[in-house]
Amino acid sequence: MADGASMLLAGKISGAYGIKGWVRIHALTDDIEDILAFPALYLETRGAMQPLEILEGRRHGKGLIARLAGVDSREAAETLRGRDIWIERADLPALEEGDYYWHELEGMQVWCRVDGDYVEEGAEEGA
C-alpha cells in the first residue's frame, strides 16, 4: 500500500443495510458504481489504512450497497459507519489529453478573461 499522500478519498460507509452485514456506501466517484471497479480499496481505521475487500456490491435506489469480507452481521456493519474509503492515486484511470481530476487542480491559480485581459479569479478588477 502507498503512503497517505498518494491516497484519495473515494467514499464513506454511511451505515448498515439489512441483517447480514451489508453496508451502505456513499461513493464520491463520478458514477457511484465506479468505486467497485478499483483494484484496491482501503478503510481508514484509527488513522491507519487497512485493506478493504468488497465481495459484492450493487446500486440500490439512489445509493450503493456492498458486502464486505469479514463483516457478517448488522452489528459488525454498524461499527464501520462513518469510516472513509480510500484509493491509491495510481489506480485512477488515465484521462484524455486536456482532462484533469479535481485533485490535480487544487491549489492552482484561476484566471478569467475580462474584456480581452486575463484577471486572477478573486482579484478586484482594475486593482
N, C-alpha and C. Protein backbone atom coordinates (compact mmCIF):
# COMPACT_ATOMS: atom_id res chain seq x y z
N MET A 1 0.84 -1.18 0.00
CA MET A 1 0.00 0.00 0.00
C MET A 1 0.88 1.24 0.00
N ALA A 2 0.42 2.26 -0.66
CA ALA A 2 1.15 3.51 -0.77
C ALA A 2 0.98 4.34 0.50
N ASP A 3 1.79 5.41 0.60
CA ASP A 3 1.67 6.30 1.76
C ASP A 3 0.43 7.16 1.63
N GLY A 4 0.05 7.83 2.73
CA GLY A 4 -1.17 8.63 2.77
C GLY A 4 -1.21 9.74 1.73
N ALA A 5 -0.06 10.29 1.34
CA ALA A 5 -0.04 11.38 0.37
C ALA A 5 -0.46 10.92 -1.02
N SER A 6 -0.37 9.64 -1.28
CA SER A 6 -0.74 9.13 -2.60
C SER A 6 -2.15 8.54 -2.61
N MET A 7 -2.91 8.80 -1.55
CA MET A 7 -4.26 8.27 -1.43
C MET A 7 -5.29 9.36 -1.69
N LEU A 8 -6.46 8.95 -2.20
CA LEU A 8 -7.58 9.86 -2.44
C LEU A 8 -8.83 9.30 -1.78
N LEU A 9 -9.61 10.18 -1.19
CA LEU A 9 -10.87 9.79 -0.60
C LEU A 9 -11.84 9.43 -1.72
N ALA A 10 -12.42 8.22 -1.65
CA ALA A 10 -13.32 7.75 -2.70
C ALA A 10 -14.75 7.56 -2.21
N GLY A 11 -14.93 7.52 -0.89
CA GLY A 11 -16.27 7.30 -0.37
C GLY A 11 -16.26 7.16 1.13
N LYS A 12 -17.45 6.81 1.65
CA LYS A 12 -17.62 6.67 3.09
C LYS A 12 -18.70 5.62 3.33
N ILE A 13 -18.52 4.85 4.37
CA ILE A 13 -19.56 3.91 4.77
C ILE A 13 -20.58 4.71 5.57
N SER A 14 -21.81 4.73 5.06
CA SER A 14 -22.82 5.58 5.69
C SER A 14 -23.75 4.83 6.63
N GLY A 15 -23.64 3.51 6.69
CA GLY A 15 -24.46 2.75 7.62
C GLY A 15 -24.61 1.31 7.21
N ALA A 16 -25.40 0.59 7.99
CA ALA A 16 -25.66 -0.82 7.73
C ALA A 16 -26.87 -0.96 6.82
N TYR A 17 -26.93 -2.09 6.12
CA TYR A 17 -28.08 -2.41 5.28
C TYR A 17 -28.46 -3.86 5.55
N GLY A 18 -29.63 -4.06 6.07
CA GLY A 18 -30.10 -5.42 6.33
C GLY A 18 -29.46 -6.03 7.57
N ILE A 19 -29.63 -7.36 7.71
CA ILE A 19 -29.15 -8.05 8.92
C ILE A 19 -27.94 -8.94 8.66
N LYS A 20 -27.49 -9.02 7.41
CA LYS A 20 -26.40 -9.94 7.07
C LYS A 20 -25.04 -9.27 6.92
N GLY A 21 -24.91 -8.02 7.38
CA GLY A 21 -23.62 -7.37 7.36
C GLY A 21 -23.34 -6.48 6.17
N TRP A 22 -24.30 -6.27 5.31
CA TRP A 22 -24.10 -5.37 4.17
C TRP A 22 -24.02 -3.94 4.69
N VAL A 23 -23.33 -3.08 3.93
CA VAL A 23 -23.19 -1.68 4.30
C VAL A 23 -23.69 -0.79 3.16
N ARG A 24 -24.08 0.42 3.53
CA ARG A 24 -24.40 1.46 2.55
C ARG A 24 -23.12 2.26 2.32
N ILE A 25 -22.84 2.55 1.07
CA ILE A 25 -21.63 3.32 0.75
C ILE A 25 -22.03 4.59 0.03
N HIS A 26 -21.51 5.69 0.51
CA HIS A 26 -21.66 6.98 -0.18
C HIS A 26 -20.39 7.16 -1.01
N ALA A 27 -20.49 6.91 -2.31
CA ALA A 27 -19.32 6.98 -3.20
C ALA A 27 -19.14 8.39 -3.73
N LEU A 28 -17.90 8.83 -3.83
CA LEU A 28 -17.56 10.14 -4.36
C LEU A 28 -17.09 10.05 -5.82
N THR A 29 -17.17 8.88 -6.40
CA THR A 29 -16.76 8.68 -7.79
C THR A 29 -17.81 9.26 -8.72
N ASP A 30 -17.42 9.53 -9.97
CA ASP A 30 -18.32 10.14 -10.95
C ASP A 30 -19.61 9.34 -11.07
N ASP A 31 -19.51 8.06 -11.31
CA ASP A 31 -20.64 7.14 -11.27
C ASP A 31 -20.44 6.35 -9.98
N ILE A 32 -21.46 6.24 -9.14
CA ILE A 32 -21.25 5.62 -7.83
C ILE A 32 -20.74 4.19 -7.92
N GLU A 33 -21.07 3.47 -8.98
CA GLU A 33 -20.61 2.09 -9.12
C GLU A 33 -19.13 1.99 -9.48
N ASP A 34 -18.53 3.09 -9.91
CA ASP A 34 -17.10 3.07 -10.27
C ASP A 34 -16.23 2.68 -9.09
N ILE A 35 -16.66 2.98 -7.87
CA ILE A 35 -15.85 2.64 -6.69
C ILE A 35 -15.63 1.13 -6.60
N LEU A 36 -16.56 0.34 -7.12
CA LEU A 36 -16.45 -1.12 -7.07
C LEU A 36 -15.39 -1.67 -8.01
N ALA A 37 -14.95 -0.87 -8.98
CA ALA A 37 -14.01 -1.34 -10.01
C ALA A 37 -12.54 -1.15 -9.64
N PHE A 38 -12.26 -0.41 -8.56
CA PHE A 38 -10.85 -0.18 -8.22
C PHE A 38 -10.20 -1.47 -7.74
N PRO A 39 -8.93 -1.69 -8.14
CA PRO A 39 -8.26 -2.94 -7.75
C PRO A 39 -7.96 -3.03 -6.26
N ALA A 40 -7.86 -1.89 -5.59
CA ALA A 40 -7.58 -1.90 -4.16
C ALA A 40 -8.31 -0.74 -3.49
N LEU A 41 -8.98 -1.06 -2.40
CA LEU A 41 -9.65 -0.07 -1.57
C LEU A 41 -9.09 -0.19 -0.16
N TYR A 42 -9.13 0.92 0.56
CA TYR A 42 -8.62 0.93 1.93
C TYR A 42 -9.62 1.62 2.84
N LEU A 43 -9.75 1.09 4.04
CA LEU A 43 -10.63 1.65 5.04
C LEU A 43 -9.77 2.33 6.08
N GLU A 44 -10.06 3.58 6.37
CA GLU A 44 -9.29 4.30 7.38
C GLU A 44 -9.81 3.90 8.76
N THR A 45 -8.91 3.35 9.56
CA THR A 45 -9.24 2.90 10.90
C THR A 45 -8.21 3.44 11.87
N ARG A 46 -8.65 4.36 12.73
CA ARG A 46 -7.77 4.98 13.72
C ARG A 46 -6.51 5.56 13.09
N GLY A 47 -6.67 6.22 11.96
CA GLY A 47 -5.57 6.87 11.28
C GLY A 47 -4.71 5.97 10.42
N ALA A 48 -4.98 4.67 10.42
CA ALA A 48 -4.22 3.73 9.59
C ALA A 48 -5.10 3.22 8.45
N MET A 49 -4.49 2.88 7.34
CA MET A 49 -5.21 2.35 6.19
C MET A 49 -5.17 0.83 6.22
N GLN A 50 -6.36 0.22 6.22
CA GLN A 50 -6.49 -1.23 6.21
C GLN A 50 -7.11 -1.64 4.89
N PRO A 51 -6.60 -2.71 4.26
CA PRO A 51 -7.21 -3.18 3.01
C PRO A 51 -8.69 -3.48 3.22
N LEU A 52 -9.51 -3.13 2.23
CA LEU A 52 -10.95 -3.36 2.27
C LEU A 52 -11.31 -4.23 1.08
N GLU A 53 -11.92 -5.37 1.35
CA GLU A 53 -12.32 -6.26 0.26
C GLU A 53 -13.84 -6.24 0.13
N ILE A 54 -14.31 -5.79 -1.03
CA ILE A 54 -15.74 -5.81 -1.32
C ILE A 54 -16.03 -7.11 -2.07
N LEU A 55 -16.83 -7.97 -1.44
CA LEU A 55 -17.17 -9.26 -2.04
C LEU A 55 -18.20 -9.10 -3.16
N GLU A 56 -19.15 -8.21 -2.94
CA GLU A 56 -20.13 -7.88 -3.97
C GLU A 56 -20.75 -6.54 -3.62
N GLY A 57 -21.22 -5.88 -4.64
CA GLY A 57 -21.86 -4.59 -4.43
C GLY A 57 -22.76 -4.26 -5.60
N ARG A 58 -23.72 -3.38 -5.32
CA ARG A 58 -24.64 -3.01 -6.39
C ARG A 58 -25.36 -1.72 -6.02
N ARG A 59 -25.93 -1.13 -7.04
CA ARG A 59 -26.76 0.06 -6.87
C ARG A 59 -28.04 -0.38 -6.16
N HIS A 60 -28.49 0.45 -5.23
CA HIS A 60 -29.76 0.18 -4.53
C HIS A 60 -30.46 1.51 -4.36
N GLY A 61 -31.53 1.72 -5.14
CA GLY A 61 -32.19 3.02 -5.15
C GLY A 61 -31.23 4.05 -5.70
N LYS A 62 -31.04 5.14 -4.97
CA LYS A 62 -30.10 6.19 -5.39
C LYS A 62 -28.70 5.97 -4.85
N GLY A 63 -28.52 4.91 -4.07
CA GLY A 63 -27.24 4.67 -3.43
C GLY A 63 -26.57 3.38 -3.86
N LEU A 64 -25.63 2.94 -3.03
CA LEU A 64 -24.84 1.75 -3.29
C LEU A 64 -24.79 0.93 -2.02
N ILE A 65 -24.94 -0.39 -2.15
CA ILE A 65 -24.78 -1.28 -1.01
C ILE A 65 -23.71 -2.30 -1.35
N ALA A 66 -23.04 -2.82 -0.30
CA ALA A 66 -21.95 -3.76 -0.54
C ALA A 66 -21.82 -4.75 0.61
N ARG A 67 -21.33 -5.93 0.26
CA ARG A 67 -21.00 -6.95 1.25
C ARG A 67 -19.47 -6.98 1.37
N LEU A 68 -18.97 -6.82 2.56
CA LEU A 68 -17.54 -6.74 2.81
C LEU A 68 -17.01 -8.02 3.43
N ALA A 69 -15.79 -8.38 3.10
CA ALA A 69 -15.15 -9.55 3.70
C ALA A 69 -15.02 -9.34 5.20
N GLY A 70 -15.39 -10.36 5.96
CA GLY A 70 -15.25 -10.31 7.41
C GLY A 70 -16.35 -9.58 8.14
N VAL A 71 -17.35 -9.09 7.42
CA VAL A 71 -18.47 -8.37 8.05
C VAL A 71 -19.72 -9.21 7.79
N ASP A 72 -20.18 -9.92 8.84
CA ASP A 72 -21.25 -10.89 8.66
C ASP A 72 -22.51 -10.60 9.47
N SER A 73 -22.57 -9.45 10.13
CA SER A 73 -23.75 -9.13 10.92
C SER A 73 -24.03 -7.64 10.84
N ARG A 74 -25.26 -7.28 11.14
CA ARG A 74 -25.63 -5.87 11.17
C ARG A 74 -24.79 -5.13 12.19
N GLU A 75 -24.56 -5.75 13.34
CA GLU A 75 -23.77 -5.11 14.39
C GLU A 75 -22.35 -4.81 13.91
N ALA A 76 -21.74 -5.75 13.20
CA ALA A 76 -20.39 -5.53 12.65
C ALA A 76 -20.41 -4.41 11.61
N ALA A 77 -21.44 -4.39 10.79
CA ALA A 77 -21.56 -3.34 9.77
C ALA A 77 -21.73 -1.97 10.42
N GLU A 78 -22.50 -1.89 11.49
CA GLU A 78 -22.72 -0.61 12.18
C GLU A 78 -21.43 -0.04 12.75
N THR A 79 -20.48 -0.89 13.13
CA THR A 79 -19.21 -0.38 13.68
C THR A 79 -18.38 0.34 12.62
N LEU A 80 -18.72 0.15 11.34
CA LEU A 80 -17.97 0.78 10.24
C LEU A 80 -18.59 2.11 9.81
N ARG A 81 -19.75 2.45 10.35
CA ARG A 81 -20.44 3.70 9.96
C ARG A 81 -19.49 4.89 10.14
N GLY A 82 -19.43 5.73 9.09
CA GLY A 82 -18.61 6.93 9.14
C GLY A 82 -17.17 6.74 8.73
N ARG A 83 -16.75 5.52 8.49
CA ARG A 83 -15.36 5.27 8.08
C ARG A 83 -15.15 5.66 6.62
N ASP A 84 -14.02 6.28 6.35
CA ASP A 84 -13.68 6.71 4.99
C ASP A 84 -13.08 5.57 4.18
N ILE A 85 -13.39 5.57 2.90
CA ILE A 85 -12.84 4.59 1.95
C ILE A 85 -11.88 5.34 1.03
N TRP A 86 -10.68 4.81 0.89
CA TRP A 86 -9.62 5.47 0.12
C TRP A 86 -9.16 4.58 -1.03
N ILE A 87 -8.62 5.22 -2.05
CA ILE A 87 -7.98 4.53 -3.18
C ILE A 87 -6.59 5.13 -3.38
N GLU A 88 -5.78 4.43 -4.14
CA GLU A 88 -4.47 4.97 -4.50
C GLU A 88 -4.61 5.79 -5.77
N ARG A 89 -3.95 6.95 -5.80
CA ARG A 89 -3.99 7.81 -6.99
C ARG A 89 -3.56 7.06 -8.24
N ALA A 90 -2.59 6.19 -8.08
CA ALA A 90 -2.05 5.45 -9.22
C ALA A 90 -3.10 4.53 -9.86
N ASP A 91 -4.17 4.21 -9.14
CA ASP A 91 -5.21 3.33 -9.66
C ASP A 91 -6.30 4.07 -10.45
N LEU A 92 -6.21 5.40 -10.52
CA LEU A 92 -7.19 6.15 -11.29
C LEU A 92 -7.01 5.87 -12.78
N PRO A 93 -8.10 5.79 -13.52
CA PRO A 93 -7.98 5.58 -14.97
C PRO A 93 -7.30 6.78 -15.63
N ALA A 94 -6.56 6.52 -16.70
CA ALA A 94 -5.92 7.60 -17.45
C ALA A 94 -7.00 8.45 -18.11
N LEU A 95 -6.73 9.74 -18.19
CA LEU A 95 -7.66 10.67 -18.82
C LEU A 95 -7.15 11.08 -20.19
N GLU A 96 -8.05 11.59 -21.01
CA GLU A 96 -7.65 12.10 -22.31
C GLU A 96 -6.88 13.40 -22.11
N GLU A 97 -6.06 13.74 -23.10
CA GLU A 97 -5.28 14.98 -23.04
C GLU A 97 -6.22 16.17 -22.85
N GLY A 98 -5.86 17.04 -21.91
CA GLY A 98 -6.67 18.22 -21.62
C GLY A 98 -7.71 18.01 -20.53
N ASP A 99 -7.91 16.76 -20.08
CA ASP A 99 -8.82 16.47 -18.98
C ASP A 99 -8.00 16.31 -17.70
N TYR A 100 -8.59 16.68 -16.57
CA TYR A 100 -7.89 16.63 -15.29
C TYR A 100 -8.83 16.14 -14.20
N TYR A 101 -8.26 15.51 -13.20
CA TYR A 101 -9.01 15.18 -12.00
C TYR A 101 -9.01 16.40 -11.09
N TRP A 102 -10.08 16.53 -10.25
CA TRP A 102 -10.19 17.67 -9.35
C TRP A 102 -8.95 17.83 -8.47
N HIS A 103 -8.41 16.71 -7.96
CA HIS A 103 -7.26 16.82 -7.05
C HIS A 103 -6.03 17.38 -7.75
N GLU A 104 -5.98 17.28 -9.07
CA GLU A 104 -4.85 17.84 -9.82
C GLU A 104 -4.96 19.35 -9.96
N LEU A 105 -6.15 19.89 -9.77
CA LEU A 105 -6.39 21.33 -9.93
C LEU A 105 -6.33 22.08 -8.60
N GLU A 106 -6.39 21.37 -7.49
CA GLU A 106 -6.38 22.02 -6.18
C GLU A 106 -5.08 22.81 -6.00
N GLY A 107 -5.24 24.03 -5.51
CA GLY A 107 -4.09 24.88 -5.24
C GLY A 107 -3.62 25.68 -6.45
N MET A 108 -4.21 25.49 -7.61
CA MET A 108 -3.80 26.23 -8.79
C MET A 108 -4.48 27.59 -8.83
N GLN A 109 -3.85 28.55 -9.48
CA GLN A 109 -4.45 29.86 -9.67
C GLN A 109 -5.47 29.77 -10.81
N VAL A 110 -6.54 30.54 -10.67
CA VAL A 110 -7.58 30.60 -11.69
C VAL A 110 -7.57 31.99 -12.31
N TRP A 111 -7.55 32.02 -13.64
CA TRP A 111 -7.55 33.30 -14.37
C TRP A 111 -8.77 33.34 -15.26
N CYS A 112 -9.40 34.49 -15.34
CA CYS A 112 -10.56 34.69 -16.21
C CYS A 112 -10.23 35.76 -17.24
N ARG A 113 -10.82 35.62 -18.40
CA ARG A 113 -10.63 36.63 -19.44
C ARG A 113 -11.76 37.66 -19.31
N VAL A 114 -11.38 38.91 -19.05
CA VAL A 114 -12.33 40.01 -18.90
C VAL A 114 -11.93 41.10 -19.88
N ASP A 115 -12.79 41.41 -20.82
CA ASP A 115 -12.52 42.47 -21.80
C ASP A 115 -11.16 42.29 -22.47
N GLY A 116 -10.80 41.06 -22.80
CA GLY A 116 -9.55 40.81 -23.52
C GLY A 116 -8.34 40.66 -22.62
N ASP A 117 -8.45 40.99 -21.35
CA ASP A 117 -7.33 40.85 -20.41
C ASP A 117 -7.59 39.68 -19.47
N TYR A 118 -6.54 39.08 -18.97
CA TYR A 118 -6.68 38.00 -18.01
C TYR A 118 -6.59 38.57 -16.61
N VAL A 119 -7.54 38.18 -15.77
CA VAL A 119 -7.61 38.65 -14.40
C VAL A 119 -7.61 37.44 -13.48
N GLU A 120 -6.80 37.47 -12.44
CA GLU A 120 -6.78 36.38 -11.49
C GLU A 120 -8.12 36.32 -10.78
N GLU A 121 -8.70 35.12 -10.71
CA GLU A 121 -10.01 34.92 -10.08
C GLU A 121 -9.95 35.41 -8.64
N GLY A 122 -10.92 36.20 -8.25
CA GLY A 122 -10.98 36.71 -6.88
C GLY A 122 -10.31 38.04 -6.74
N ALA A 123 -9.52 38.46 -7.72
CA ALA A 123 -8.85 39.74 -7.65
C ALA A 123 -9.83 40.82 -8.08
N GLU A 124 -9.70 41.98 -7.49
CA GLU A 124 -10.56 43.12 -7.84
C GLU A 124 -10.18 43.58 -9.25
N GLU A 125 -11.17 43.79 -10.10
CA GLU A 125 -10.89 44.29 -11.44
C GLU A 125 -10.35 45.70 -11.33
N GLY A 126 -9.26 45.96 -12.01
CA GLY A 126 -8.64 47.29 -12.02
C GLY A 126 -7.71 47.50 -10.84
N ALA A 127 -7.56 46.49 -9.96
CA ALA A 127 -6.68 46.67 -8.81
C ALA A 127 -5.24 46.44 -9.17
